[in-house]
Amino acid sequence: MPQGIAEVNDISIWWEDFGVSSNPTVLLIMGANANAMQWPLEFVNPLVEAGFHVIRFDNRDVGKSTWVTTEPTMIVSDEGIANAEVSYNLEDMAADAVALLDHLGIDKAHIVGASMGGMITQVIGLDHSERALSLIPIMSTPGAGLEDDTLSPPTESFMQGMMKAMEHNMKGEYMEGLVCTYRELTGSRFPFDEEKFREKAKAGMDHGHNPFPGHGAAVSSSPHRKDRLKVINLPTLVIHGTEDAILPFDHGQALADGIPNAQIMTLEGVGHEIPDQMIDEITSRMIEHFNSI
């Protein structure tokens, strides 16, 4: 598939596209600490077969894009986990995505983001709405918890898993750290398959694994968007699992309630994940959303 490097905003962004470039474009934005390989071909291909041009790319600090931060940004203390400051925030990452569209000569796209990518999706809808055909934030949040404590915090088991993952990462045991994290992010509907996860995670690590990206700090340093959602005037589909351990379901519901006329796809028993077993159902709903515009 065509791929390349876009030199934008004083950094390099790696990208890859699929399908006919003259077709309506879907831009896939991945979440924190994950690269473009976390959008598997099983997710991309149904969109291409439905007549869409699909782009996946590495956010700054991961994969084959520029690594801005290479030292730990999480600070562990008796009071819990905090994030140090980094040189960029979600607004900068949204600007990267828009600059990539410019680089590829694309005027507008359907913007789809997972987790942190869903936050970037919201920023594009707020600050670059003229570049979006529609929005799909998946397992995301308006940012509540940073300046707004009305929504649920991550589960205690997830926080414990994160602590274990950080211990592994500090020892250079990056795969074990990922296993600890994603085990806690998996809902009860489809039990965690460690062997299959390790295979998928290896592909992502082989693509380029920065163990210490500044994504968590970028999220923490960005203002929440809850009070601004009402100005989004784009067709929006929110997708969220009922057993999300890091961004519980009320975060997704807050997005659906806050964005005018937004629809929500509820994934029963699903955690902070896009289960392989539900890719067909999820992509079919996305295609229905795109085609309704």
Protein backbone atom coordinates (compact mmCIF):
# COMPACT_ATOMS: atom_id res chain seq x y z
CA MET A 1 0.00 0.00 0.00
CA PRO A 2 1.20 3.58 -0.60
CA GLN A 3 2.98 5.01 2.41
CA GLY A 4 5.32 7.84 3.16
CA ILE A 5 6.59 10.52 5.49
CA ALA A 6 4.94 13.93 5.79
CA GLU A 7 7.21 16.70 7.05
CA VAL A 8 4.76 18.87 9.00
CA ASN A 9 4.90 21.13 12.06
CA ASP A 10 8.67 20.56 12.42
CA ILE A 11 8.22 16.79 12.80
CA SER A 12 7.87 13.74 10.55
CA ILE A 13 4.57 11.86 10.39
CA TRP A 14 4.50 8.35 8.91
CA TRP A 15 1.34 7.47 6.99
CA GLU A 16 -0.17 4.69 4.89
CA ASP A 17 -3.29 4.74 2.76
CA PHE A 18 -5.64 2.19 1.22
CA GLY A 19 -8.21 2.31 -1.54
CA VAL A 20 -8.90 4.86 -4.27
CA SER A 21 -7.69 8.31 -3.28
CA SER A 22 -10.59 10.02 -5.07
CA ASN A 23 -13.12 8.23 -2.84
CA PRO A 24 -14.34 9.83 0.41
CA THR A 25 -11.52 9.67 2.95
CA VAL A 26 -11.57 8.12 6.42
CA LEU A 27 -8.73 9.28 8.68
CA LEU A 28 -7.95 6.84 11.51
CA ILE A 29 -6.29 8.34 14.61
CA MET A 30 -4.95 5.89 17.17
CA GLY A 31 -4.82 6.29 20.94
CA ALA A 32 -2.10 6.93 23.48
CA ASN A 33 1.15 5.00 23.24
CA ALA A 34 -0.10 2.99 20.25
CA ASN A 35 0.90 3.27 16.60
CA ALA A 36 -0.96 2.88 13.31
CA MET A 37 -0.60 -0.91 13.34
CA GLN A 38 -3.28 -0.99 16.04
CA TRP A 39 -5.72 -0.29 13.19
CA PRO A 40 -5.47 -3.81 11.73
CA LEU A 41 -6.20 -4.64 8.12
CA GLU A 42 -9.29 -6.49 9.32
CA PHE A 43 -10.61 -3.08 10.39
CA VAL A 44 -9.37 -1.16 7.35
CA ASN A 45 -10.45 -3.54 4.59
CA PRO A 46 -14.25 -3.40 5.13
CA LEU A 47 -14.08 0.39 4.85
CA VAL A 48 -12.11 0.16 1.61
CA GLU A 49 -14.49 -2.46 0.21
CA ALA A 50 -17.39 -0.11 1.00
CA GLY A 51 -15.84 2.54 -1.25
CA PHE A 52 -13.74 4.63 1.12
CA HIS A 53 -10.16 5.85 0.96
CA VAL A 54 -8.58 5.03 4.34
CA ILE A 55 -5.52 6.60 5.95
CA ARG A 56 -3.81 5.36 9.10
CA PHE A 57 -0.78 7.13 10.55
CA ASP A 58 1.57 7.25 13.50
CA ASN A 59 0.97 10.13 15.88
CA ARG A 60 4.06 12.03 16.97
CA ASP A 61 6.06 10.10 19.59
CA VAL A 62 5.20 6.60 18.31
CA GLY A 63 5.94 4.22 15.45
CA LYS A 64 7.91 5.68 12.57
CA SER A 65 6.94 9.28 13.27
CA THR A 66 9.24 11.63 15.19
CA TRP A 67 9.83 10.64 18.80
CA VAL A 68 9.59 13.92 20.69
CA THR A 69 9.75 12.37 24.15
CA THR A 70 12.02 9.42 25.00
CA GLU A 71 12.22 9.63 28.79
CA PRO A 72 9.52 8.56 31.29
CA THR A 73 6.83 11.21 31.76
CA MET A 74 4.79 9.35 34.38
CA ILE A 75 5.66 10.16 37.98
CA VAL A 76 4.83 7.53 40.59
CA SER A 77 4.44 8.54 44.23
CA ASP A 78 2.50 7.47 47.32
CA GLU A 79 -0.31 9.69 46.04
CA GLY A 80 -0.57 7.77 42.77
CA ILE A 81 0.45 8.43 39.16
CA ALA A 82 0.96 11.89 37.70
CA ASN A 83 2.33 13.19 34.41
CA ALA A 84 5.25 15.51 33.85
CA GLU A 85 4.99 18.33 31.34
CA VAL A 86 5.72 17.72 27.66
CA SER A 87 6.21 20.12 24.77
CA TYR A 88 2.89 19.43 23.02
CA ASN A 89 -0.79 18.84 23.71
CA LEU A 90 -3.89 17.51 21.94
CA GLU A 91 -4.27 20.73 19.95
CA ASP A 92 -0.80 20.15 18.49
CA MET A 93 -1.69 16.56 17.64
CA ALA A 94 -4.92 17.68 15.95
CA ALA A 95 -2.84 20.16 13.94
CA ASP A 96 -0.59 17.25 12.90
CA ALA A 97 -3.60 15.33 11.57
CA VAL A 98 -4.88 18.35 9.63
CA ALA A 99 -1.40 19.03 8.25
CA LEU A 100 -1.25 15.41 7.07
CA LEU A 101 -4.50 15.96 5.15
CA ASP A 102 -2.91 19.07 3.61
CA HIS A 103 0.19 17.08 2.68
CA LEU A 104 -1.95 14.47 0.93
CA GLY A 105 -4.13 17.05 -0.81
CA ILE A 106 -7.32 16.05 1.01
CA ASP A 107 -9.86 18.77 1.74
CA LYS A 108 -12.22 16.88 4.06
CA ALA A 109 -12.36 13.48 5.77
CA HIS A 110 -14.43 11.40 8.11
CA ILE A 111 -12.41 11.58 11.36
CA VAL A 112 -12.29 8.39 13.44
CA GLY A 113 -10.29 8.21 16.66
CA ALA A 114 -9.78 5.61 19.37
CA SER A 115 -9.25 6.68 23.01
CA MET A 116 -6.80 9.62 22.86
CA GLY A 117 -7.44 9.58 19.12
CA GLY A 118 -11.10 10.21 19.94
CA MET A 119 -10.03 13.26 21.95
CA ILE A 120 -8.04 14.51 18.95
CA THR A 121 -11.14 13.84 16.84
CA GLN A 122 -13.13 16.19 19.10
CA VAL A 123 -10.45 18.89 18.83
CA ILE A 124 -10.62 18.66 15.04
CA GLY A 125 -14.40 18.97 15.25
CA LEU A 126 -14.03 22.05 17.43
CA ASP A 127 -11.03 23.84 15.92
CA HIS A 128 -10.88 22.51 12.35
CA SER A 129 -14.52 21.68 11.65
CA GLU A 130 -14.20 22.72 8.00
CA ARG A 131 -11.91 19.70 7.44
CA ALA A 132 -14.31 17.09 8.82
CA LEU A 133 -17.19 15.29 7.12
CA SER A 134 -18.16 13.51 10.34
CA LEU A 135 -16.73 12.40 13.68
CA ILE A 136 -16.50 8.99 15.33
CA PRO A 137 -14.85 9.02 18.78
CA ILE A 138 -14.38 5.44 19.99
CA MET A 139 -13.88 4.67 23.73
CA SER A 140 -13.07 8.32 24.39
CA THR A 141 -13.92 11.19 26.74
CA PRO A 142 -14.56 14.93 26.71
CA GLY A 143 -11.58 15.17 29.05
CA ALA A 144 -13.47 15.14 32.29
CA GLY A 145 -11.37 14.13 35.26
CA LEU A 146 -8.75 16.75 34.50
CA GLU A 147 -10.87 19.77 35.42
CA ASP A 148 -14.18 17.98 35.98
CA ASP A 149 -14.65 15.18 38.49
CA THR A 150 -18.29 14.45 37.67
CA LEU A 151 -17.40 11.40 35.58
CA SER A 152 -16.07 8.09 36.81
CA PRO A 153 -12.34 7.60 37.41
CA PRO A 154 -10.42 4.58 36.10
CA THR A 155 -11.05 1.37 38.02
CA GLU A 156 -8.74 0.40 40.85
CA SER A 157 -7.76 -2.81 39.08
CA PHE A 158 -6.70 -0.83 36.02
CA MET A 159 -4.56 1.51 38.14
CA GLN A 160 -2.89 -1.48 39.77
CA GLY A 161 -2.25 -2.97 36.35
CA MET A 162 -0.69 0.31 35.22
CA MET A 163 1.66 0.30 38.21
CA LYS A 164 2.79 -3.23 37.33
CA ALA A 165 3.20 -2.22 33.68
CA MET A 166 5.39 0.72 34.66
CA GLU A 167 7.60 -1.57 36.73
CA HIS A 168 8.08 -3.80 33.69
CA ASN A 169 8.78 -0.83 31.41
CA MET A 170 11.45 0.56 33.72
CA LYS A 171 13.19 -2.82 33.49
CA GLY A 172 12.96 -2.82 29.70
CA GLU A 173 10.30 -5.55 29.77
CA TYR A 174 8.03 -3.70 27.37
CA MET A 175 5.98 -6.64 26.14
CA GLU A 176 5.18 -7.67 29.72
CA GLY A 177 4.13 -4.10 30.43
CA LEU A 178 1.71 -4.17 27.51
CA VAL A 179 0.26 -7.50 28.63
CA CYS A 180 -0.38 -6.10 32.14
CA THR A 181 -2.11 -3.05 30.72
CA TYR A 182 -4.29 -4.68 28.08
CA ARG A 183 -5.35 -7.52 30.35
CA GLU A 184 -7.02 -4.89 32.54
CA LEU A 185 -8.53 -3.08 29.54
CA THR A 186 -10.35 -6.17 28.25
CA GLY A 187 -14.03 -6.57 29.10
CA SER A 188 -15.79 -9.77 30.15
CA ARG A 189 -17.57 -10.41 26.85
CA PHE A 190 -14.45 -11.64 25.06
CA PRO A 191 -11.82 -12.97 27.51
CA PHE A 192 -8.24 -11.75 27.14
CA ASP A 193 -6.32 -13.99 24.73
CA GLU A 194 -2.72 -13.48 25.80
CA GLU A 195 -1.14 -15.53 22.99
CA LYS A 196 -3.03 -13.66 20.27
CA PHE A 197 -2.38 -10.34 21.97
CA ARG A 198 1.36 -10.98 22.06
CA GLU A 199 1.33 -11.68 18.30
CA LYS A 200 -0.49 -8.43 17.56
CA ALA A 201 1.63 -6.43 20.01
CA LYS A 202 4.85 -7.75 18.44
CA ALA A 203 3.74 -6.44 15.04
CA GLY A 204 3.20 -3.03 16.57
CA MET A 205 6.53 -3.09 18.38
CA ASP A 206 8.34 -4.17 15.22
CA HIS A 207 6.84 -1.15 13.45
CA GLY A 208 8.47 1.12 16.03
CA HIS A 209 8.01 1.10 19.80
CA ASN A 210 8.79 4.18 21.87
CA PRO A 211 8.42 2.95 25.48
CA PHE A 212 8.08 6.48 26.86
CA PRO A 213 5.88 8.63 24.60
CA GLY A 214 4.47 11.81 26.09
CA HIS A 215 0.87 11.09 25.15
CA GLY A 216 -0.44 10.76 28.70
CA ALA A 217 1.12 14.06 29.62
CA ALA A 218 -0.28 15.67 26.47
CA VAL A 219 -3.78 14.54 27.45
CA SER A 220 -3.32 15.79 31.02
CA SER A 221 -2.11 19.20 29.87
CA SER A 222 -5.08 19.74 27.54
CA PRO A 223 -8.27 21.43 28.75
CA HIS A 224 -11.43 19.37 28.91
CA ARG A 225 -13.95 19.90 26.13
CA LYS A 226 -17.21 19.15 27.94
CA ASP A 227 -18.53 22.72 27.87
CA ARG A 228 -17.53 23.22 24.22
CA LEU A 229 -19.13 20.12 22.73
CA LYS A 230 -22.41 21.91 22.09
CA VAL A 231 -20.85 23.95 19.28
CA ILE A 232 -19.91 20.86 17.24
CA ASN A 233 -22.12 20.82 14.18
CA LEU A 234 -20.98 17.60 12.54
CA PRO A 235 -22.67 14.20 12.25
CA THR A 236 -21.22 12.24 15.18
CA LEU A 237 -21.31 8.60 16.19
CA VAL A 238 -19.95 7.73 19.63
CA ILE A 239 -18.82 4.11 20.19
CA HIS A 240 -18.15 2.96 23.74
CA GLY A 241 -17.98 -0.25 25.77
CA THR A 242 -19.93 -0.71 28.99
CA GLU A 243 -16.91 -2.21 30.81
CA ASP A 244 -14.25 0.35 29.91
CA ALA A 245 -11.81 0.38 32.83
CA ILE A 246 -9.91 3.57 32.02
CA LEU A 247 -12.73 5.70 30.57
CA PRO A 248 -15.92 4.20 32.01
CA PHE A 249 -19.12 4.25 29.98
CA ASP A 250 -20.36 7.56 31.38
CA HIS A 251 -17.50 9.28 29.52
CA GLY A 252 -18.90 8.05 26.21
CA GLN A 253 -22.43 8.97 27.27
CA ALA A 254 -21.21 12.49 28.14
CA LEU A 255 -19.90 12.83 24.59
CA ALA A 256 -23.16 11.61 23.08
CA ASP A 257 -25.18 13.93 25.34
CA GLY A 258 -22.91 16.93 24.76
CA ILE A 259 -22.62 16.86 20.96
CA PRO A 260 -25.88 17.95 19.31
CA ASN A 261 -27.71 15.08 17.59
CA ALA A 262 -24.91 12.60 18.27
CA GLN A 263 -25.75 8.91 18.17
CA ILE A 264 -24.17 6.26 20.39
CA MET A 265 -23.30 2.63 19.70
CA THR A 266 -23.12 0.78 23.01
CA LEU A 267 -20.84 -2.26 23.15
CA GLU A 268 -22.17 -4.45 25.95
CA GLY A 269 -19.52 -6.21 28.03
CA VAL A 270 -16.69 -4.60 26.08
CA GLY A 271 -13.77 -2.82 27.72
CA HIS A 272 -11.30 -0.26 26.39
CA GLU A 273 -10.80 -2.23 23.21
CA ILE A 274 -12.01 -2.95 19.70
CA PRO A 275 -12.52 -6.72 19.91
CA ASP A 276 -11.67 -8.72 16.82
CA GLN A 277 -15.01 -10.49 17.22
CA MET A 278 -16.87 -7.18 16.79
CA ILE A 279 -14.92 -5.57 13.95
CA ASP A 280 -17.55 -6.49 11.35
CA GLU A 281 -20.37 -5.09 13.48
CA ILE A 282 -18.46 -1.91 14.32
CA THR A 283 -17.28 -1.18 10.78
CA SER A 284 -20.77 -1.87 9.41
CA ARG A 285 -22.19 0.73 11.80
CA MET A 286 -19.47 3.18 10.81
CA ILE A 287 -20.21 2.69 7.10
CA GLU A 288 -23.91 3.25 7.79
CA HIS A 289 -22.97 6.48 9.56
CA PHE A 290 -20.77 7.68 6.69
CA ASN A 291 -23.37 6.86 4.07
CA SER A 292 -26.12 8.69 5.96
CA ILE A 293 -24.40 12.03 5.37
